[in-house]
């Protein structure tokens, strides 16, 4: 796996964290009053510097996210019902992340097909970059996007996790 890249946290002052364990390793969940704004696997690329963000139990958004995530990994949930806060992305990134939410569990799409769906067929690289910067891994299912030939490509949490997520969803 690539080295962790810590980035200056773009998270708002009202952001709170919760850690939980999954079958694919530890994750950090982040939420604002508006909704879930982050889900990162330990060691993944594009992991923000969260040193100044408080960890808090008893936050209803984080508690619901952790509960639904555990149901997902136990095979009892295929879709998430959580408020999401994607406000830290650019308008284009938010558009791409919203499109990811429309990819059903158990299916995949390509970066090119996603770009075409957004009426930006020549923007495949920009779409791929936005997919790669998705801050809410698993719940905003960037793992469902594959290369033009169907090959597993780019996943900030690592290709092994991507493979295992798709297998869990039987895609």
N, C-alpha and C. Protein backbone atom coordinates (compact mmCIF):
# COMPACT_ATOMS: atom_id res chain seq x y z
N UNK A 1 0.85 -1.17 0.00
CA UNK A 1 0.00 0.00 0.00
C UNK A 1 0.89 1.23 0.00
N UNK A 2 0.43 2.29 -0.65
CA UNK A 2 1.17 3.55 -0.68
C UNK A 2 1.26 4.15 0.71
N UNK A 3 2.22 5.02 0.88
CA UNK A 3 2.35 5.72 2.15
C UNK A 3 1.15 6.63 2.37
N UNK A 4 0.85 6.86 3.61
CA UNK A 4 -0.25 7.76 3.95
C UNK A 4 0.15 9.18 3.58
N UNK A 5 -0.75 9.90 2.95
CA UNK A 5 -0.54 11.29 2.65
C UNK A 5 -1.46 12.10 3.55
N UNK A 6 -0.90 12.76 4.53
CA UNK A 6 -1.72 13.61 5.40
C UNK A 6 -1.87 14.96 4.74
N UNK A 7 -3.09 15.44 4.70
CA UNK A 7 -3.37 16.73 4.12
C UNK A 7 -3.88 17.64 5.21
N UNK A 8 -3.63 18.92 5.05
CA UNK A 8 -4.22 19.88 5.98
C UNK A 8 -5.72 19.66 5.97
N UNK A 9 -6.32 19.59 7.13
CA UNK A 9 -7.73 19.27 7.22
C UNK A 9 -8.59 20.40 6.68
N UNK A 10 -9.42 20.10 5.67
CA UNK A 10 -10.35 21.10 5.16
C UNK A 10 -11.66 21.06 5.95
N UNK A 11 -11.68 20.35 7.06
CA UNK A 11 -12.91 20.14 7.80
C UNK A 11 -13.25 21.36 8.64
N UNK A 12 -14.54 21.60 8.78
CA UNK A 12 -15.04 22.75 9.51
C UNK A 12 -14.82 22.59 11.01
N UNK A 13 -14.94 23.69 11.71
CA UNK A 13 -14.75 23.67 13.17
C UNK A 13 -15.79 22.83 13.88
N UNK A 14 -16.95 22.62 13.26
CA UNK A 14 -18.01 21.84 13.91
C UNK A 14 -17.90 20.35 13.61
N UNK A 15 -16.80 19.92 13.01
CA UNK A 15 -16.62 18.52 12.65
C UNK A 15 -16.24 17.69 13.88
N UNK A 16 -16.86 16.51 13.99
CA UNK A 16 -16.51 15.57 15.05
C UNK A 16 -16.21 14.22 14.41
N UNK A 17 -15.45 13.40 15.13
CA UNK A 17 -14.98 12.11 14.61
C UNK A 17 -15.47 10.96 15.46
N UNK A 18 -15.45 9.80 14.83
CA UNK A 18 -15.64 8.54 15.55
C UNK A 18 -14.84 7.47 14.82
N UNK A 19 -14.17 6.63 15.58
CA UNK A 19 -13.43 5.51 15.01
C UNK A 19 -14.26 4.26 15.17
N UNK A 20 -14.13 3.35 14.21
CA UNK A 20 -14.77 2.05 14.32
C UNK A 20 -13.93 1.05 13.54
N UNK A 21 -14.13 -0.21 13.83
CA UNK A 21 -13.41 -1.28 13.14
C UNK A 21 -14.35 -1.98 12.17
N UNK A 22 -13.81 -2.40 11.04
CA UNK A 22 -14.55 -3.17 10.05
C UNK A 22 -13.73 -4.39 9.67
N UNK A 23 -14.30 -5.25 8.87
CA UNK A 23 -13.56 -6.42 8.40
C UNK A 23 -12.42 -6.03 7.46
N UNK A 24 -12.41 -4.78 6.98
CA UNK A 24 -11.33 -4.31 6.12
C UNK A 24 -10.38 -3.36 6.85
N UNK A 25 -10.50 -3.32 8.18
CA UNK A 25 -9.61 -2.48 8.97
C UNK A 25 -10.35 -1.32 9.62
N UNK A 26 -9.59 -0.55 10.36
CA UNK A 26 -10.17 0.59 11.07
C UNK A 26 -10.58 1.70 10.13
N UNK A 27 -11.63 2.41 10.51
CA UNK A 27 -12.07 3.57 9.74
C UNK A 27 -12.30 4.73 10.69
N UNK A 28 -12.13 5.91 10.14
CA UNK A 28 -12.47 7.14 10.83
C UNK A 28 -13.66 7.74 10.12
N UNK A 29 -14.70 8.03 10.88
CA UNK A 29 -15.90 8.68 10.37
C UNK A 29 -15.87 10.13 10.84
N UNK A 30 -16.31 11.06 9.98
CA UNK A 30 -16.37 12.47 10.35
C UNK A 30 -17.74 13.01 9.99
N UNK A 31 -18.26 13.88 10.84
CA UNK A 31 -19.57 14.47 10.59
C UNK A 31 -19.60 15.92 11.03
N UNK A 32 -20.44 16.68 10.35
CA UNK A 32 -20.80 18.03 10.77
C UNK A 32 -22.28 17.98 11.14
N UNK A 33 -22.82 19.09 11.53
CA UNK A 33 -24.26 19.15 11.82
C UNK A 33 -25.08 18.83 10.58
N UNK A 34 -24.51 19.08 9.39
CA UNK A 34 -25.23 18.84 8.13
C UNK A 34 -25.24 17.38 7.71
N UNK A 35 -24.26 16.60 8.15
CA UNK A 35 -24.23 15.20 7.75
C UNK A 35 -22.84 14.60 7.80
N UNK A 36 -22.75 13.36 7.38
CA UNK A 36 -21.48 12.65 7.32
C UNK A 36 -20.61 13.31 6.25
N UNK A 37 -19.39 13.66 6.60
CA UNK A 37 -18.52 14.35 5.64
C UNK A 37 -17.23 13.59 5.38
N UNK A 38 -17.01 12.47 6.05
CA UNK A 38 -15.80 11.72 5.81
C UNK A 38 -15.88 10.29 6.30
N UNK A 39 -15.25 9.40 5.54
CA UNK A 39 -15.05 8.01 5.95
C UNK A 39 -13.76 7.58 5.30
N UNK A 40 -12.74 7.36 6.13
CA UNK A 40 -11.42 6.99 5.62
C UNK A 40 -10.94 5.73 6.31
N UNK A 41 -10.40 4.82 5.51
CA UNK A 41 -9.74 3.64 6.07
C UNK A 41 -8.39 4.05 6.62
N UNK A 42 -7.95 3.38 7.66
CA UNK A 42 -6.60 3.62 8.17
C UNK A 42 -5.61 3.39 7.04
N UNK A 43 -4.69 4.31 6.87
CA UNK A 43 -3.63 4.14 5.90
C UNK A 43 -3.98 4.49 4.47
N UNK A 44 -5.17 4.97 4.21
CA UNK A 44 -5.51 5.25 2.81
C UNK A 44 -4.91 6.57 2.35
N UNK A 45 -4.77 6.70 1.04
CA UNK A 45 -4.29 7.95 0.45
C UNK A 45 -5.33 9.04 0.68
N UNK A 46 -4.89 10.27 0.64
CA UNK A 46 -5.76 11.44 0.79
C UNK A 46 -6.44 11.48 2.15
N UNK A 47 -5.76 10.99 3.17
CA UNK A 47 -6.29 10.99 4.54
C UNK A 47 -5.99 12.36 5.14
N UNK A 48 -7.02 13.10 5.55
CA UNK A 48 -6.75 14.44 6.09
C UNK A 48 -6.10 14.39 7.46
N UNK A 49 -5.42 15.46 7.81
CA UNK A 49 -4.84 15.59 9.14
C UNK A 49 -5.97 15.91 10.11
N UNK A 50 -6.29 14.98 10.96
CA UNK A 50 -7.43 15.12 11.86
C UNK A 50 -7.01 15.35 13.31
N UNK A 51 -5.76 15.71 13.52
CA UNK A 51 -5.22 15.83 14.88
C UNK A 51 -6.01 16.82 15.74
N UNK A 52 -6.54 17.86 15.15
CA UNK A 52 -7.24 18.89 15.92
C UNK A 52 -8.75 18.68 15.98
N UNK A 53 -9.24 17.59 15.39
CA UNK A 53 -10.68 17.34 15.35
C UNK A 53 -11.04 16.40 16.49
N UNK A 54 -12.02 16.78 17.33
CA UNK A 54 -12.35 15.94 18.48
C UNK A 54 -13.08 14.65 18.09
N UNK A 55 -12.76 13.59 18.84
CA UNK A 55 -13.51 12.34 18.68
C UNK A 55 -14.68 12.38 19.65
N UNK A 56 -15.84 11.96 19.17
CA UNK A 56 -17.02 12.09 20.01
C UNK A 56 -17.94 10.90 19.82
N UNK A 57 -18.30 10.26 20.91
CA UNK A 57 -19.34 9.23 20.91
C UNK A 57 -20.66 9.92 21.21
N UNK A 58 -21.74 9.30 20.78
CA UNK A 58 -23.05 9.86 21.07
C UNK A 58 -23.53 10.85 20.04
N UNK A 59 -22.78 11.05 18.94
CA UNK A 59 -23.26 11.90 17.86
C UNK A 59 -24.20 11.05 17.01
N UNK A 60 -25.45 11.46 16.81
CA UNK A 60 -26.41 10.60 16.12
C UNK A 60 -26.01 10.26 14.68
N UNK A 61 -25.38 11.19 13.97
CA UNK A 61 -24.97 10.90 12.59
C UNK A 61 -23.85 9.87 12.59
N UNK A 62 -22.86 10.06 13.45
CA UNK A 62 -21.74 9.11 13.51
C UNK A 62 -22.19 7.75 14.01
N UNK A 63 -23.09 7.75 14.99
CA UNK A 63 -23.59 6.47 15.51
C UNK A 63 -24.37 5.72 14.44
N UNK A 64 -25.22 6.42 13.69
CA UNK A 64 -25.98 5.79 12.60
C UNK A 64 -25.05 5.29 11.51
N UNK A 65 -24.03 6.08 11.18
CA UNK A 65 -23.08 5.68 10.14
C UNK A 65 -22.33 4.42 10.57
N UNK A 66 -21.85 4.38 11.80
CA UNK A 66 -21.12 3.20 12.29
C UNK A 66 -22.04 1.97 12.29
N UNK A 67 -23.27 2.13 12.73
CA UNK A 67 -24.22 1.02 12.76
C UNK A 67 -24.50 0.51 11.34
N UNK A 68 -24.79 1.42 10.41
CA UNK A 68 -25.08 1.01 9.04
C UNK A 68 -23.85 0.41 8.37
N UNK A 69 -22.68 0.91 8.68
CA UNK A 69 -21.45 0.35 8.13
C UNK A 69 -21.25 -1.08 8.61
N UNK A 70 -21.50 -1.34 9.88
CA UNK A 70 -21.39 -2.71 10.40
C UNK A 70 -22.42 -3.63 9.74
N UNK A 71 -23.64 -3.14 9.51
CA UNK A 71 -24.64 -3.93 8.79
C UNK A 71 -24.18 -4.24 7.37
N UNK A 72 -23.59 -3.25 6.71
CA UNK A 72 -23.09 -3.43 5.35
C UNK A 72 -22.02 -4.54 5.31
N UNK A 73 -21.06 -4.47 6.21
CA UNK A 73 -19.98 -5.46 6.21
C UNK A 73 -20.46 -6.84 6.65
N UNK A 74 -21.59 -6.90 7.34
CA UNK A 74 -22.19 -8.19 7.73
C UNK A 74 -23.10 -8.72 6.64
N UNK A 75 -23.23 -7.99 5.52
CA UNK A 75 -24.08 -8.43 4.41
C UNK A 75 -25.56 -8.18 4.62
N UNK A 76 -25.91 -7.34 5.58
CA UNK A 76 -27.32 -7.06 5.87
C UNK A 76 -27.79 -5.71 5.33
N UNK A 77 -26.94 -4.99 4.61
CA UNK A 77 -27.30 -3.68 4.08
C UNK A 77 -26.56 -3.46 2.77
N UNK A 78 -27.28 -2.96 1.76
CA UNK A 78 -26.63 -2.65 0.49
C UNK A 78 -26.67 -1.17 0.17
N UNK A 79 -27.51 -0.41 0.87
CA UNK A 79 -27.61 1.03 0.66
C UNK A 79 -27.61 1.72 2.02
N UNK A 80 -27.11 2.94 2.03
CA UNK A 80 -27.01 3.70 3.27
C UNK A 80 -28.07 4.79 3.29
N UNK A 81 -28.58 5.06 4.46
CA UNK A 81 -29.59 6.10 4.66
C UNK A 81 -29.06 7.09 5.68
N UNK A 82 -28.22 7.99 5.19
CA UNK A 82 -27.55 8.95 6.06
C UNK A 82 -27.55 10.33 5.41
N UNK A 83 -27.65 11.39 6.20
CA UNK A 83 -27.44 12.72 5.62
C UNK A 83 -25.95 12.87 5.30
N UNK A 84 -25.65 13.42 4.13
CA UNK A 84 -24.27 13.59 3.71
C UNK A 84 -23.95 15.07 3.57
N UNK A 85 -22.76 15.44 3.97
CA UNK A 85 -22.26 16.80 3.80
C UNK A 85 -21.07 16.74 2.86
N UNK A 86 -21.30 17.07 1.60
CA UNK A 86 -20.24 17.05 0.59
C UNK A 86 -19.76 18.45 0.26
N UNK A 87 -20.03 19.39 1.13
CA UNK A 87 -19.79 20.81 0.85
C UNK A 87 -18.31 21.17 0.70
N UNK A 88 -17.42 20.30 1.09
CA UNK A 88 -16.01 20.63 0.99
C UNK A 88 -15.41 20.36 -0.38
N UNK A 89 -16.19 19.76 -1.26
CA UNK A 89 -15.73 19.54 -2.62
C UNK A 89 -16.10 20.70 -3.52
N UNK A 90 -15.43 20.78 -4.66
CA UNK A 90 -15.82 21.77 -5.66
C UNK A 90 -17.18 21.39 -6.22
N UNK A 91 -17.78 22.30 -6.96
CA UNK A 91 -19.08 22.00 -7.58
C UNK A 91 -18.96 20.75 -8.47
N UNK A 92 -17.89 20.67 -9.25
CA UNK A 92 -17.70 19.52 -10.13
C UNK A 92 -17.55 18.23 -9.32
N UNK A 93 -16.73 18.26 -8.28
CA UNK A 93 -16.56 17.08 -7.44
C UNK A 93 -17.89 16.64 -6.83
N UNK A 94 -18.65 17.59 -6.33
CA UNK A 94 -19.95 17.25 -5.74
C UNK A 94 -20.87 16.61 -6.76
N UNK A 95 -20.83 17.09 -8.00
CA UNK A 95 -21.65 16.51 -9.07
C UNK A 95 -21.24 15.06 -9.32
N UNK A 96 -19.94 14.81 -9.36
CA UNK A 96 -19.43 13.44 -9.56
C UNK A 96 -19.82 12.57 -8.38
N UNK A 97 -19.65 13.06 -7.16
CA UNK A 97 -19.97 12.27 -5.97
C UNK A 97 -21.46 11.94 -5.91
N UNK A 98 -22.31 12.88 -6.33
CA UNK A 98 -23.75 12.60 -6.39
C UNK A 98 -24.03 11.49 -7.40
N UNK A 99 -23.32 11.51 -8.53
CA UNK A 99 -23.49 10.47 -9.55
C UNK A 99 -23.07 9.11 -9.01
N UNK A 100 -22.03 9.07 -8.18
CA UNK A 100 -21.60 7.80 -7.59
C UNK A 100 -22.70 7.18 -6.75
N UNK A 101 -23.48 8.01 -6.09
CA UNK A 101 -24.57 7.51 -5.24
C UNK A 101 -25.65 6.79 -6.05
N UNK A 102 -25.69 7.02 -7.35
CA UNK A 102 -26.70 6.38 -8.20
C UNK A 102 -26.24 5.05 -8.79
N UNK A 103 -25.02 4.63 -8.48
CA UNK A 103 -24.53 3.33 -8.97
C UNK A 103 -25.02 2.27 -7.99
N UNK A 104 -25.89 1.37 -8.43
CA UNK A 104 -26.45 0.38 -7.49
C UNK A 104 -25.39 -0.61 -6.99
N UNK A 105 -25.59 -1.07 -5.77
CA UNK A 105 -24.74 -2.12 -5.23
C UNK A 105 -24.82 -3.33 -6.14
N UNK A 106 -23.71 -4.01 -6.29
CA UNK A 106 -23.68 -5.20 -7.14
C UNK A 106 -23.39 -4.89 -8.59
N UNK A 107 -23.19 -3.61 -8.92
CA UNK A 107 -22.87 -3.22 -10.29
C UNK A 107 -21.62 -2.35 -10.29
N UNK A 108 -21.03 -2.22 -11.46
CA UNK A 108 -19.91 -1.30 -11.63
C UNK A 108 -20.17 -0.45 -12.86
N UNK A 109 -19.42 0.62 -12.97
CA UNK A 109 -19.44 1.45 -14.17
C UNK A 109 -18.00 1.86 -14.44
N UNK A 110 -17.76 2.43 -15.59
CA UNK A 110 -16.41 2.88 -15.93
C UNK A 110 -16.32 4.39 -15.75
N UNK A 111 -15.09 4.88 -15.68
CA UNK A 111 -14.89 6.32 -15.59
C UNK A 111 -15.47 7.01 -16.82
N UNK A 112 -15.29 6.39 -17.99
CA UNK A 112 -15.83 6.96 -19.23
C UNK A 112 -17.34 7.01 -19.23
N UNK A 113 -17.98 5.95 -18.77
CA UNK A 113 -19.44 5.92 -18.71
C UNK A 113 -19.95 6.96 -17.72
N UNK A 114 -19.24 7.12 -16.62
CA UNK A 114 -19.64 8.11 -15.63
C UNK A 114 -19.51 9.52 -16.21
N UNK A 115 -18.43 9.77 -16.93
CA UNK A 115 -18.25 11.07 -17.58
C UNK A 115 -19.36 11.33 -18.60
N UNK A 116 -19.70 10.31 -19.38
CA UNK A 116 -20.78 10.46 -20.37
C UNK A 116 -22.12 10.71 -19.68
N UNK A 117 -22.36 10.03 -18.59
CA UNK A 117 -23.60 10.22 -17.83
C UNK A 117 -23.73 11.67 -17.35
N UNK A 118 -22.60 12.30 -17.08
CA UNK A 118 -22.59 13.69 -16.62
C UNK A 118 -22.53 14.68 -17.77
N UNK A 119 -22.71 14.18 -19.00
CA UNK A 119 -22.62 15.00 -20.21
C UNK A 119 -21.26 15.67 -20.34
N UNK A 120 -20.23 14.98 -19.90
CA UNK A 120 -18.85 15.45 -19.99
C UNK A 120 -17.97 14.33 -20.53
N UNK A 121 -18.30 13.79 -21.73
CA UNK A 121 -17.60 12.60 -22.22
C UNK A 121 -16.10 12.80 -22.43
N UNK A 122 -15.65 14.03 -22.59
CA UNK A 122 -14.22 14.28 -22.79
C UNK A 122 -13.50 14.56 -21.47
N UNK A 123 -14.22 14.52 -20.37
CA UNK A 123 -13.65 14.86 -19.07
C UNK A 123 -13.37 13.62 -18.22
N UNK A 124 -12.98 12.54 -18.87
CA UNK A 124 -12.76 11.28 -18.14
C UNK A 124 -11.71 11.44 -17.05
N UNK A 125 -10.62 12.12 -17.35
CA UNK A 125 -9.57 12.28 -16.33
C UNK A 125 -10.04 13.14 -15.17
N UNK A 126 -10.79 14.19 -15.46
CA UNK A 126 -11.32 15.04 -14.39
C UNK A 126 -12.31 14.26 -13.53
N UNK A 127 -13.13 13.45 -14.16
CA UNK A 127 -14.07 12.61 -13.42
C UNK A 127 -13.29 11.62 -12.55
N UNK A 128 -12.27 10.99 -13.12
CA UNK A 128 -11.46 10.04 -12.35
C UNK A 128 -10.79 10.73 -11.16
N UNK A 129 -10.32 11.95 -11.36
CA UNK A 129 -9.69 12.69 -10.25
C UNK A 129 -10.72 12.99 -9.15
N UNK A 130 -11.93 13.37 -9.54
CA UNK A 130 -12.98 13.64 -8.55
C UNK A 130 -13.37 12.37 -7.81
N UNK A 131 -13.47 11.26 -8.54
CA UNK A 131 -13.77 9.97 -7.90
C UNK A 131 -12.68 9.65 -6.88
N UNK A 132 -11.44 9.87 -7.25
CA UNK A 132 -10.31 9.58 -6.36
C UNK A 132 -10.26 10.45 -5.12
N UNK A 133 -10.90 11.60 -5.15
CA UNK A 133 -10.91 12.52 -4.01
C UNK A 133 -12.18 12.40 -3.17
N UNK A 134 -13.00 11.39 -3.45
CA UNK A 134 -14.22 11.17 -2.68
C UNK A 134 -13.86 11.02 -1.20
N UNK A 135 -14.38 11.90 -0.33
CA UNK A 135 -14.01 11.81 1.08
C UNK A 135 -14.87 10.85 1.90
N UNK A 136 -15.91 10.27 1.29
CA UNK A 136 -16.83 9.42 2.06
C UNK A 136 -16.81 8.01 1.46
N UNK A 137 -15.67 7.37 1.58
CA UNK A 137 -15.46 6.04 1.01
C UNK A 137 -16.57 5.08 1.45
N UNK A 138 -16.84 4.10 0.64
CA UNK A 138 -17.84 3.05 0.84
C UNK A 138 -19.25 3.60 0.70
N UNK A 139 -19.61 4.59 1.50
CA UNK A 139 -20.97 5.12 1.50
C UNK A 139 -21.25 5.88 0.21
N UNK A 140 -20.30 6.67 -0.26
CA UNK A 140 -20.34 7.23 -1.61
C UNK A 140 -19.46 6.26 -2.40
N UNK A 141 -20.07 5.34 -3.15
CA UNK A 141 -19.39 4.13 -3.61
C UNK A 141 -18.43 4.30 -4.79
N UNK A 142 -17.32 4.99 -4.55
CA UNK A 142 -16.32 5.15 -5.60
C UNK A 142 -15.67 3.82 -5.97
N UNK A 143 -15.77 2.83 -5.09
CA UNK A 143 -15.20 1.51 -5.38
C UNK A 143 -15.92 0.82 -6.54
N UNK A 144 -17.09 1.30 -6.93
CA UNK A 144 -17.86 0.69 -8.02
C UNK A 144 -17.45 1.20 -9.39
N UNK A 145 -16.42 2.04 -9.46
CA UNK A 145 -15.95 2.56 -10.74
C UNK A 145 -14.67 1.81 -11.11
N UNK A 146 -14.66 1.28 -12.33
CA UNK A 146 -13.54 0.46 -12.82
C UNK A 146 -13.00 1.06 -14.11
N UNK A 147 -11.87 0.53 -14.57
CA UNK A 147 -11.27 0.98 -15.81
C UNK A 147 -12.11 0.60 -17.02
N UNK A 148 -11.78 1.18 -18.16
CA UNK A 148 -12.54 0.95 -19.40
C UNK A 148 -12.61 -0.53 -19.77
N UNK A 149 -11.57 -1.28 -19.42
CA UNK A 149 -11.54 -2.71 -19.74
C UNK A 149 -12.09 -3.57 -18.61
N UNK A 150 -12.65 -2.93 -17.58
CA UNK A 150 -13.20 -3.66 -16.45
C UNK A 150 -12.19 -3.95 -15.35
N UNK A 151 -10.94 -3.54 -15.58
CA UNK A 151 -9.89 -3.80 -14.58
C UNK A 151 -10.08 -2.90 -13.37
N UNK A 152 -9.70 -3.44 -12.21
CA UNK A 152 -9.74 -2.62 -11.00
C UNK A 152 -8.62 -1.61 -11.05
N UNK A 153 -8.99 -0.36 -10.93
CA UNK A 153 -8.01 0.73 -10.96
C UNK A 153 -8.29 1.65 -9.80
N UNK A 154 -7.28 2.39 -9.41
CA UNK A 154 -7.35 3.44 -8.43
C UNK A 154 -8.42 3.37 -7.36
N UNK A 155 -8.01 3.15 -6.15
CA UNK A 155 -8.90 3.26 -5.00
C UNK A 155 -8.03 3.73 -3.84
N UNK A 156 -8.39 4.86 -3.24
CA UNK A 156 -7.55 5.44 -2.19
C UNK A 156 -7.32 4.48 -1.02
N UNK A 157 -8.27 3.57 -0.79
CA UNK A 157 -8.12 2.60 0.28
C UNK A 157 -7.31 1.38 -0.11
N UNK A 158 -6.86 1.33 -1.37
CA UNK A 158 -6.07 0.21 -1.86
C UNK A 158 -6.90 -0.75 -2.70
N UNK A 159 -6.28 -1.34 -3.71
CA UNK A 159 -7.00 -2.23 -4.62
C UNK A 159 -7.51 -3.49 -3.94
N UNK A 160 -6.81 -3.98 -2.92
CA UNK A 160 -7.30 -5.15 -2.21
C UNK A 160 -8.64 -4.85 -1.55
N UNK A 161 -8.75 -3.68 -0.93
CA UNK A 161 -10.03 -3.31 -0.32
C UNK A 161 -11.11 -3.14 -1.39
N UNK A 162 -10.76 -2.53 -2.51
CA UNK A 162 -11.74 -2.36 -3.59
C UNK A 162 -12.25 -3.73 -4.05
N UNK A 163 -11.33 -4.65 -4.25
CA UNK A 163 -11.70 -6.01 -4.66
C UNK A 163 -12.64 -6.65 -3.64
N UNK A 164 -12.31 -6.49 -2.38
CA UNK A 164 -13.13 -7.10 -1.32
C UNK A 164 -14.49 -6.43 -1.18
N UNK A 165 -14.56 -5.12 -1.38
CA UNK A 165 -15.85 -4.42 -1.35
C UNK A 165 -16.75 -4.90 -2.48
N UNK A 166 -16.18 -5.03 -3.68
CA UNK A 166 -16.97 -5.50 -4.82
C UNK A 166 -17.41 -6.95 -4.61
N UNK A 167 -16.55 -7.77 -4.03
CA UNK A 167 -16.93 -9.16 -3.74
C UNK A 167 -18.05 -9.20 -2.71
N UNK A 168 -17.97 -8.35 -1.71
CA UNK A 168 -19.02 -8.28 -0.70
C UNK A 168 -20.37 -7.94 -1.34
N UNK A 169 -20.33 -7.06 -2.34
CA UNK A 169 -21.55 -6.66 -3.04
C UNK A 169 -21.88 -7.61 -4.19
N UNK A 170 -21.01 -8.59 -4.43
CA UNK A 170 -21.17 -9.55 -5.52
C UNK A 170 -21.27 -8.87 -6.87
N UNK A 171 -20.40 -7.86 -7.08
CA UNK A 171 -20.38 -7.15 -8.38
C UNK A 171 -19.46 -7.87 -9.34
